[in-house]
Amino acid sequence: MQHSDPIRPSGLRWAAAVVWACLPLVTCGVATPVTMGIAAIWLRNVWHGVAACVYAVGIGSFVLTALTYEYELAPTELSMLVTLGLVISWIGGTIHSGILVPSMVKARLGPAPMVHAPMPPADVRHRPAEMRHTPPAELRHTPPADMRHTPPDVRQRITAPSQRRPPEQPEWIGHYRVLRQLGRGGQGAVYLAMAPNGTQVAVKVLHDLVDEVARARFAREVESARRVATFSTARVLDVNIGGQHAYIVSEYVDGPSLEQLVRTHGPRDADSLTRLALSTAGALAAIHKAGVVHRDFKPSNVLIGNDGPRVIDFGISRALDQVTMTSGKMVGTPPYMSPEQLKGEPVGPPSDVFSWAVTMVFAATGRPAFGEDTVPAVFNRVLNHEPDLSAVPPSLRGIVGACLSKQPADRPSASDVMLSIVR
């Protein structure tokens, strides 16, 4: 549970305090004891109560003297004394009330509503680390197209920051209020954030896009990614290439990754693996139809949401290619990279199909098809050896084996994979 900063006083509170402070002035001090009594109660200060009594004696003596000597002159000494009481209650009460205006405005302001958020996850993706106690969500069918909802506009209004945060965590990313960090990886950091309309989103800040050419390429790629059909993918909602860091905003999928699910609960059974294979192949088909190549398909990029598997992080790797190559970093994750990626050759949809097959082997066995020990050993197996598919269910073994062909031209398309699974 994260505490928030105090709420700022509203204009209405200021107006009410000013009216309260003007009462001694407009009533010639008669209302001063009342206003000071209110201040004593509101501020819980006994000395303001004492002041209210003093003002009451001053204005009370004047009123009593005026009523007693209504038609005749009061003695000079008494007249001077009650006049002093009037001045103290009138002028002194006005000044006293004016001084107390800020205190009256800010008194009894509670903290802003506190945000309850899950503990930060171990994974570097935008997902909570703890596993849910409900059955794995990949067992559920992906809803048909006519049942899908359109995500709300995330730029409807401006929200105010309300959380205390770690020193290294930004308070805002663009117009998105950061709630907490979900993880950090080689490309940048991922944050759970609140859109202006109150929708939770995942914001990925990319640290490597520092020059204008790379940012323009990134913007073009993400615009293509926004055209991807939303079944089995996390919709891209926004992108920004201005400011210190470029960032991309997508739907927040509240669920574990496929990697977390398998590491925690073990390999998937034949039925759930078939549903997983069908939905993720469909997601790749939609991505490829939009002219986008994922380039980093792997278990941690498949989130198991409440409505089934969702593929994330598509459409950004190509924009990072030039930056990562010049900085000496590798684009992709070695155990899930295709032979053409390892050779530095141009990659297209067949590369994603290869990575998809390796991911399905991981879901079926708990380990990638070509191992995950040393990078040279993995590279050698990917380029020169055939994987052991004996643990893959017979219904999927043939299509997975075809997708793991060393030659891109020999692999089926993602659409063909879908058709092969449903036959």
Protein backbone atom coordinates (compact mmCIF):
# COMPACT_ATOMS: atom_id res chain seq x y z
CA MET A 1 0.00 0.00 0.00
CA GLN A 2 1.54 3.27 -1.05
CA HIS A 3 0.79 6.53 0.78
CA SER A 4 0.07 9.74 -1.01
CA ASP A 5 0.88 13.40 -0.53
CA PRO A 6 -1.67 15.73 1.16
CA ILE A 7 -4.46 17.08 -0.99
CA ARG A 8 -4.06 20.72 -2.04
CA PRO A 9 -6.73 23.08 -0.61
CA SER A 10 -9.52 23.84 -3.04
CA GLY A 11 -10.61 27.31 -4.09
CA LEU A 12 -13.85 26.84 -2.18
CA ARG A 13 -11.95 26.36 1.09
CA TRP A 14 -10.01 29.57 0.47
CA ALA A 15 -13.19 31.50 -0.27
CA ALA A 16 -14.90 30.23 2.88
CA ALA A 17 -11.87 31.15 5.00
CA VAL A 18 -11.76 34.69 3.58
CA VAL A 19 -15.48 35.21 4.29
CA TRP A 20 -14.91 33.91 7.83
CA ALA A 21 -12.02 36.34 8.34
CA CYS A 22 -14.13 39.31 7.17
CA LEU A 23 -16.88 38.77 9.77
CA PRO A 24 -15.17 40.83 12.54
CA LEU A 25 -14.68 43.70 10.11
CA VAL A 26 -18.24 43.89 8.72
CA THR A 27 -19.88 43.38 12.16
CA CYS A 28 -17.75 46.04 13.92
CA GLY A 29 -16.18 43.34 16.08
CA VAL A 30 -19.45 41.87 17.37
CA ALA A 31 -18.76 38.55 15.57
CA THR A 32 -15.13 38.36 16.70
CA PRO A 33 -15.74 36.03 19.68
CA VAL A 34 -17.71 33.70 17.42
CA THR A 35 -15.03 33.60 14.71
CA MET A 36 -12.30 32.98 17.28
CA GLY A 37 -14.40 30.25 18.89
CA ILE A 38 -14.73 28.59 15.48
CA ALA A 39 -10.96 28.86 15.02
CA ALA A 40 -10.34 27.29 18.43
CA ILE A 41 -12.54 24.31 17.56
CA TRP A 42 -11.36 23.94 13.95
CA LEU A 43 -7.65 24.26 14.78
CA ARG A 44 -7.98 22.45 18.13
CA ASN A 45 -6.04 25.29 19.85
CA VAL A 46 -6.89 26.32 23.39
CA TRP A 47 -5.20 29.73 23.02
CA HIS A 48 -7.63 30.76 20.33
CA GLY A 49 -10.36 29.85 22.81
CA VAL A 50 -8.75 32.17 25.37
CA ALA A 51 -8.59 34.91 22.72
CA ALA A 52 -12.29 34.38 21.99
CA CYS A 53 -13.04 35.00 25.71
CA VAL A 54 -10.95 38.19 25.74
CA TYR A 55 -12.71 39.48 22.64
CA ALA A 56 -16.06 38.56 24.19
CA VAL A 57 -15.25 40.62 27.32
CA GLY A 58 -14.17 43.58 25.21
CA ILE A 59 -17.15 43.71 22.86
CA GLY A 60 -19.55 42.63 25.62
CA SER A 61 -18.51 45.51 27.91
CA PHE A 62 -19.00 47.97 25.09
CA VAL A 63 -22.46 46.66 24.25
CA LEU A 64 -23.57 46.62 27.92
CA THR A 65 -22.29 50.15 28.49
CA ALA A 66 -24.04 51.39 25.37
CA LEU A 67 -27.33 49.85 26.47
CA THR A 68 -27.00 51.11 30.05
CA TYR A 69 -26.20 54.73 29.12
CA GLU A 70 -28.41 54.86 26.04
CA TYR A 71 -29.76 58.38 26.71
CA GLU A 72 -26.99 59.89 28.85
CA LEU A 73 -23.23 60.20 28.79
CA ALA A 74 -21.19 57.50 30.42
CA PRO A 75 -18.36 58.46 32.80
CA THR A 76 -15.19 59.39 30.95
CA GLU A 77 -13.06 56.58 32.37
CA LEU A 78 -15.71 53.97 31.60
CA SER A 79 -16.22 55.39 28.11
CA MET A 80 -12.48 55.13 27.34
CA LEU A 81 -12.34 51.58 28.68
CA VAL A 82 -15.25 50.22 26.67
CA THR A 83 -14.04 52.03 23.55
CA LEU A 84 -10.71 50.24 23.94
CA GLY A 85 -12.64 46.95 24.19
CA LEU A 86 -14.45 47.83 20.94
CA VAL A 87 -11.20 48.62 19.13
CA ILE A 88 -9.55 45.41 20.32
CA SER A 89 -12.52 43.28 19.28
CA TRP A 90 -13.05 45.06 15.97
CA ILE A 91 -9.59 45.89 14.63
CA GLY A 92 -7.68 43.25 16.58
CA GLY A 93 -10.21 40.55 15.68
CA THR A 94 -9.99 41.46 11.98
CA ILE A 95 -6.19 41.27 11.98
CA HIS A 96 -6.18 38.06 14.02
CA SER A 97 -8.67 36.38 11.65
CA GLY A 98 -6.68 37.45 8.61
CA ILE A 99 -3.52 35.90 10.02
CA LEU A 100 -5.34 32.61 10.64
CA VAL A 101 -6.75 32.27 7.09
CA PRO A 102 -3.98 29.93 5.74
CA SER A 103 -4.18 27.75 8.87
CA MET A 104 -7.96 27.50 8.60
CA VAL A 105 -7.70 26.51 4.93
CA LYS A 106 -5.10 23.79 5.42
CA ALA A 107 -6.47 22.35 8.66
CA ARG A 108 -8.00 18.85 8.58
CA LEU A 109 -6.86 18.09 5.04
CA GLY A 110 -6.43 14.31 4.89
CA PRO A 111 -4.14 12.48 2.50
CA ALA A 112 -5.20 11.73 -1.04
CA PRO A 113 -6.69 8.27 -1.63
CA MET A 114 -4.08 5.57 -1.21
CA VAL A 115 -3.29 3.28 -4.12
CA HIS A 116 -3.19 -0.43 -3.47
CA ALA A 117 -0.77 -2.07 -5.87
CA PRO A 118 0.75 -5.56 -6.12
CA MET A 119 4.33 -6.05 -5.04
CA PRO A 120 6.95 -5.44 -7.75
CA PRO A 121 7.57 -8.54 -9.90
CA ALA A 122 10.80 -10.35 -10.57
CA ASP A 123 10.23 -10.44 -14.32
CA VAL A 124 11.28 -7.49 -16.44
CA ARG A 125 8.00 -7.35 -18.32
CA HIS A 126 4.82 -5.52 -17.49
CA ARG A 127 3.17 -8.20 -15.37
CA PRO A 128 2.88 -9.01 -11.64
CA ALA A 129 5.25 -11.67 -10.31
CA GLU A 130 2.89 -13.53 -8.06
CA MET A 131 0.91 -16.37 -9.60
CA ARG A 132 -2.86 -16.41 -9.43
CA HIS A 133 -4.68 -19.28 -7.68
CA THR A 134 -7.15 -19.64 -10.52
CA PRO A 135 -6.54 -22.19 -13.29
CA PRO A 136 -4.03 -21.04 -15.95
CA ALA A 137 -5.70 -18.55 -18.20
CA GLU A 138 -4.32 -20.10 -21.40
CA LEU A 139 -6.94 -22.82 -20.84
CA ARG A 140 -9.60 -20.33 -21.78
CA HIS A 141 -10.71 -19.70 -25.35
CA THR A 142 -9.84 -16.40 -27.00
CA PRO A 143 -13.12 -14.45 -27.32
CA PRO A 144 -14.54 -14.04 -30.81
CA ALA A 145 -14.05 -10.76 -32.67
CA ASP A 146 -17.59 -9.51 -32.07
CA MET A 147 -17.15 -9.82 -28.28
CA ARG A 148 -13.98 -7.76 -28.07
CA HIS A 149 -14.19 -4.28 -26.59
CA THR A 150 -12.48 -1.16 -27.87
CA PRO A 151 -9.95 0.17 -25.35
CA PRO A 152 -10.86 3.59 -23.94
CA ASP A 153 -9.17 6.76 -25.05
CA VAL A 154 -6.24 7.17 -22.70
CA ARG A 155 -6.03 10.95 -23.17
CA GLN A 156 -9.35 12.11 -21.78
CA ARG A 157 -8.27 14.17 -18.78
CA ILE A 158 -5.33 15.06 -16.58
CA THR A 159 -4.77 13.32 -13.27
CA ALA A 160 -2.75 14.62 -10.35
CA PRO A 161 0.16 12.71 -8.82
CA SER A 162 -0.70 11.07 -5.53
CA GLN A 163 2.01 8.52 -4.75
CA ARG A 164 5.24 8.53 -2.88
CA ARG A 165 7.81 6.85 -5.07
CA PRO A 166 11.38 5.53 -4.97
CA PRO A 167 13.99 8.18 -5.85
CA GLU A 168 14.92 6.45 -9.12
CA GLN A 169 11.31 6.14 -10.31
CA PRO A 170 9.86 8.99 -12.39
CA GLU A 171 6.62 10.53 -11.21
CA TRP A 172 5.32 11.14 -14.73
CA ILE A 173 6.14 9.76 -18.17
CA GLY A 174 4.50 12.17 -20.57
CA HIS A 175 0.93 12.51 -19.33
CA TYR A 176 0.98 9.06 -17.69
CA ARG A 177 1.28 8.96 -13.90
CA VAL A 178 3.72 6.22 -12.85
CA LEU A 179 2.42 3.83 -10.18
CA ARG A 180 5.40 1.49 -9.88
CA GLN A 181 8.21 -0.12 -11.84
CA LEU A 182 7.37 -3.53 -13.27
CA GLY A 183 10.85 -4.40 -14.42
CA ARG A 184 14.01 -3.36 -16.21
CA GLY A 185 15.76 -5.00 -19.14
CA GLY A 186 18.35 -4.36 -21.79
CA GLN A 187 16.09 -2.12 -23.88
CA GLY A 188 14.78 -0.02 -21.00
CA ALA A 189 12.41 0.00 -18.05
CA VAL A 190 8.73 -0.96 -17.88
CA TYR A 191 6.31 0.86 -15.59
CA LEU A 192 2.74 0.35 -14.54
CA ALA A 193 1.12 3.74 -15.05
CA MET A 194 -2.25 5.44 -14.89
CA ALA A 195 -3.61 7.07 -18.04
CA PRO A 196 -5.46 10.39 -17.68
CA ASN A 197 -8.82 8.58 -17.81
CA GLY A 198 -7.89 6.21 -14.97
CA THR A 199 -6.97 3.19 -17.14
CA GLN A 200 -3.91 1.20 -16.08
CA VAL A 201 -1.34 0.89 -18.89
CA ALA A 202 2.18 -0.44 -19.35
CA VAL A 203 4.76 2.17 -20.35
CA LYS A 204 8.07 0.97 -21.74
CA VAL A 205 10.82 3.60 -21.75
CA LEU A 206 13.53 2.83 -24.31
CA HIS A 207 16.95 4.09 -23.26
CA ASP A 208 18.86 3.41 -26.47
CA LEU A 209 16.91 5.67 -28.82
CA VAL A 210 19.03 8.77 -28.38
CA ASP A 211 19.35 10.17 -31.93
CA GLU A 212 16.64 11.57 -34.18
CA VAL A 213 17.13 9.00 -36.96
CA ALA A 214 16.60 6.08 -34.58
CA ARG A 215 13.57 7.78 -33.03
CA ALA A 216 11.97 8.43 -36.42
CA ARG A 217 12.51 4.76 -37.37
CA PHE A 218 11.02 3.71 -34.05
CA ALA A 219 7.93 5.88 -34.62
CA ARG A 220 7.34 4.35 -38.07
CA GLU A 221 7.63 0.81 -36.75
CA VAL A 222 5.27 1.44 -33.86
CA GLU A 223 2.70 3.03 -36.17
CA SER A 224 2.76 -0.23 -38.13
CA ALA A 225 2.38 -2.18 -34.90
CA ARG A 226 -0.73 -0.16 -34.02
CA ARG A 227 -2.45 -1.64 -37.06
CA VAL A 228 -2.14 -5.18 -35.71
CA ALA A 229 -5.45 -6.88 -34.94
CA THR A 230 -5.93 -7.03 -31.19
CA PHE A 231 -6.90 -10.67 -30.65
CA SER A 232 -4.14 -12.40 -28.65
CA THR A 233 -1.97 -9.27 -28.61
CA ALA A 234 -1.60 -6.36 -26.19
CA ARG A 235 -2.83 -3.30 -28.08
CA VAL A 236 -0.35 -0.48 -28.64
CA LEU A 237 -2.08 2.66 -27.32
CA ASP A 238 0.44 5.45 -27.64
CA VAL A 239 4.01 6.28 -28.65
CA ASN A 240 6.21 9.28 -28.01
CA ILE A 241 9.63 10.05 -29.45
CA GLY A 242 10.09 13.48 -27.86
CA GLY A 243 11.71 14.33 -24.55
CA GLN A 244 14.70 12.67 -22.96
CA HIS A 245 13.52 9.09 -23.62
CA ALA A 246 11.23 7.57 -26.21
CA TYR A 247 8.44 5.41 -24.82
CA ILE A 248 5.65 3.12 -25.98
CA VAL A 249 2.34 2.61 -24.18
CA SER A 250 0.35 -0.61 -24.40
CA GLU A 251 -2.48 -2.38 -22.64
CA TYR A 252 -1.57 -3.68 -19.20
CA VAL A 253 -2.10 -7.44 -19.06
CA ASP A 254 -2.63 -8.53 -15.47
CA GLY A 255 -1.19 -12.00 -15.46
CA PRO A 256 2.07 -14.00 -15.47
CA SER A 257 4.22 -14.61 -18.48
CA LEU A 258 4.37 -18.03 -20.11
CA GLU A 259 7.91 -18.29 -18.75
CA GLN A 260 6.72 -17.65 -15.19
CA LEU A 261 3.82 -20.05 -15.60
CA VAL A 262 5.99 -22.93 -16.80
CA ARG A 263 8.76 -22.29 -14.27
CA THR A 264 6.23 -22.28 -11.44
CA HIS A 265 3.63 -24.85 -12.50
CA GLY A 266 5.59 -27.00 -14.95
CA PRO A 267 5.07 -27.85 -18.64
CA ARG A 268 1.60 -27.51 -20.18
CA ASP A 269 -0.52 -30.57 -20.90
CA ALA A 270 -1.57 -31.48 -24.44
CA ASP A 271 -4.91 -29.63 -24.45
CA SER A 272 -3.65 -26.39 -22.92
CA LEU A 273 -0.56 -26.52 -25.15
CA THR A 274 -2.78 -26.84 -28.23
CA ARG A 275 -4.84 -23.82 -27.20
CA LEU A 276 -1.67 -21.86 -26.46
CA ALA A 277 -0.18 -22.81 -29.84
CA LEU A 278 -3.33 -21.81 -31.71
CA SER A 279 -3.75 -18.42 -30.03
CA THR A 280 -0.09 -17.43 -30.31
CA ALA A 281 0.12 -18.55 -33.93
CA GLY A 282 -2.96 -16.42 -34.59
CA ALA A 283 -1.28 -13.47 -32.92
CA LEU A 284 1.80 -13.91 -35.14
CA ALA A 285 -0.41 -14.16 -38.23
CA ALA A 286 -2.05 -10.84 -37.31
CA ILE A 287 1.34 -9.23 -36.65
CA HIS A 288 2.72 -10.41 -39.98
CA LYS A 289 -0.43 -9.30 -41.83
CA ALA A 290 0.23 -5.75 -40.59
CA GLY A 291 3.72 -5.90 -42.11
CA VAL A 292 5.48 -6.24 -38.77
CA VAL A 293 8.10 -8.80 -37.73
CA HIS A 294 8.34 -9.46 -34.00
CA ARG A 295 12.03 -10.49 -33.94
CA ASP A 296 11.99 -11.38 -30.23
CA PHE A 297 9.22 -13.96 -29.77
CA LYS A 298 9.87 -15.90 -26.56
CA PRO A 299 8.01 -17.15 -23.44
CA SER A 300 8.50 -13.91 -21.49
CA ASN A 301 6.80 -12.03 -24.34
CA VAL A 302 3.65 -14.14 -24.02
CA LEU A 303 1.46 -13.00 -21.13
CA ILE A 304 -1.32 -15.18 -19.75
CA GLY A 305 -4.15 -12.73 -19.14
CA ASN A 306 -7.66 -13.32 -17.87
CA ASP A 307 -8.91 -13.66 -21.44
CA GLY A 308 -6.11 -15.93 -22.66
CA PRO A 309 -2.54 -15.56 -23.99
CA ARG A 310 -1.38 -12.15 -25.24
CA VAL A 311 1.75 -11.48 -27.30
CA ILE A 312 3.64 -8.31 -26.37
CA ASP A 313 6.66 -6.26 -27.46
CA PHE A 314 6.05 -6.70 -31.17
CA GLY A 315 7.10 -3.99 -33.59
CA ILE A 316 9.98 -2.39 -31.66
CA SER A 317 13.00 -4.62 -32.32
CA ARG A 318 13.53 -3.52 -35.91
CA ALA A 319 13.72 0.09 -34.83
CA LEU A 320 16.43 -0.89 -32.34
CA ASP A 321 18.50 -2.95 -34.79
CA GLN A 322 20.94 -0.23 -35.85
CA VAL A 323 21.31 1.16 -32.34
CA THR A 324 21.96 -2.20 -30.73
CA MET A 325 24.42 -3.33 -33.40
CA THR A 326 26.52 -0.17 -33.08
CA SER A 327 26.49 -0.44 -29.30
CA GLY A 328 27.54 -4.10 -29.37
CA LYS A 329 24.26 -5.46 -28.02
CA MET A 330 22.37 -8.40 -29.45
CA VAL A 331 18.89 -8.08 -30.89
CA GLY A 332 16.93 -11.09 -29.67
CA THR A 333 17.32 -13.81 -27.05
CA PRO A 334 19.85 -16.51 -28.12
CA PRO A 335 17.87 -19.69 -27.21
CA TYR A 336 14.92 -18.40 -29.26
CA MET A 337 16.73 -16.83 -32.21
CA SER A 338 16.48 -18.24 -35.72
CA PRO A 339 19.52 -19.38 -37.74
CA GLU A 340 19.24 -16.32 -40.00
CA GLN A 341 19.29 -14.03 -36.96
CA LEU A 342 22.43 -15.71 -35.66
CA LYS A 343 24.09 -15.33 -39.06
CA GLY A 344 23.21 -11.64 -39.25
CA GLU A 345 21.05 -12.17 -42.34
CA PRO A 346 17.82 -10.25 -43.05
CA VAL A 347 14.92 -11.65 -41.06
CA GLY A 348 11.23 -11.84 -41.87
CA PRO A 349 8.11 -13.68 -40.70
CA PRO A 350 9.81 -17.13 -40.98
CA SER A 351 12.16 -16.06 -38.20
CA ASP A 352 9.20 -15.46 -35.90
CA VAL A 353 7.77 -18.85 -36.83
CA PHE A 354 11.07 -20.50 -35.80
CA SER A 355 11.02 -18.65 -32.46
CA TRP A 356 7.37 -19.62 -31.98
CA ALA A 357 8.28 -23.32 -32.36
CA VAL A 358 11.12 -23.03 -29.83
CA THR A 359 8.68 -21.37 -27.43
CA MET A 360 6.16 -24.20 -27.87
CA VAL A 361 8.88 -26.73 -27.06
CA PHE A 362 9.61 -24.75 -23.90
CA ALA A 363 5.92 -24.80 -22.96
CA ALA A 364 5.80 -28.58 -23.53
CA THR A 365 9.06 -29.50 -21.80
CA GLY A 366 10.14 -26.63 -19.55
CA ARG A 367 13.29 -25.93 -21.59
CA PRO A 368 14.04 -24.33 -24.99
CA ALA A 369 14.42 -26.64 -27.99
CA PHE A 370 18.17 -25.96 -28.29
CA GLY A 371 19.02 -25.60 -24.59
CA GLU A 372 19.94 -22.49 -22.65
CA ASP A 373 23.47 -23.08 -21.40
CA THR A 374 26.37 -21.16 -22.98
CA VAL A 375 25.73 -18.87 -25.92
CA PRO A 376 28.28 -20.63 -28.23
CA ALA A 377 26.72 -24.03 -27.45
CA VAL A 378 23.23 -22.75 -28.15
CA PHE A 379 24.37 -21.11 -31.40
CA ASN A 380 25.96 -24.37 -32.53
CA ARG A 381 22.82 -26.39 -31.86
CA VAL A 382 20.55 -23.87 -33.59
CA LEU A 383 22.74 -23.85 -36.70
CA ASN A 384 23.78 -27.49 -36.93
CA HIS A 385 21.59 -29.83 -34.86
CA GLU A 386 17.99 -31.04 -34.83
CA PRO A 387 16.11 -30.73 -31.55
CA ASP A 388 14.54 -33.55 -29.57
CA LEU A 389 10.75 -33.21 -29.99
CA SER A 390 9.75 -36.46 -28.32
CA ALA A 391 8.06 -34.61 -25.42
CA VAL A 392 5.88 -32.55 -27.76
CA PRO A 393 2.36 -34.00 -28.17
CA PRO A 394 2.01 -35.97 -31.44
CA SER A 395 -0.72 -33.60 -32.66
CA LEU A 396 1.77 -30.70 -32.64
CA ARG A 397 5.06 -32.51 -33.24
CA GLY A 398 4.90 -32.38 -37.02
CA ILE A 399 4.09 -28.68 -37.39
CA VAL A 400 6.59 -27.69 -34.70
CA GLY A 401 9.30 -29.71 -36.46
CA ALA A 402 8.49 -28.02 -39.77
CA CYS A 403 8.77 -24.59 -38.14
CA LEU A 404 12.24 -25.49 -36.85
CA SER A 405 13.65 -26.01 -40.33
CA LYS A 406 17.07 -24.40 -40.78
CA GLN A 407 16.01 -22.78 -44.06
CA PRO A 408 13.45 -19.96 -43.80
CA ALA A 409 11.83 -20.93 -47.10
CA ASP A 410 11.04 -24.41 -45.76
CA ARG A 411 9.01 -23.16 -42.80
CA PRO A 412 5.22 -22.69 -42.96
CA SER A 413 3.67 -19.28 -42.45
CA ALA A 414 1.90 -18.43 -39.20
CA SER A 415 -1.44 -18.75 -40.99
CA ASP A 416 -0.49 -22.22 -42.24
CA VAL A 417 0.47 -23.16 -38.69
CA MET A 418 -3.01 -22.19 -37.50
CA LEU A 419 -4.66 -24.27 -40.22
CA SER A 420 -2.46 -27.25 -39.41
CA ILE A 421 -3.42 -27.11 -35.73
CA VAL A 422 -7.19 -26.96 -36.31
CA ARG A 423 -7.22 -29.78 -38.87
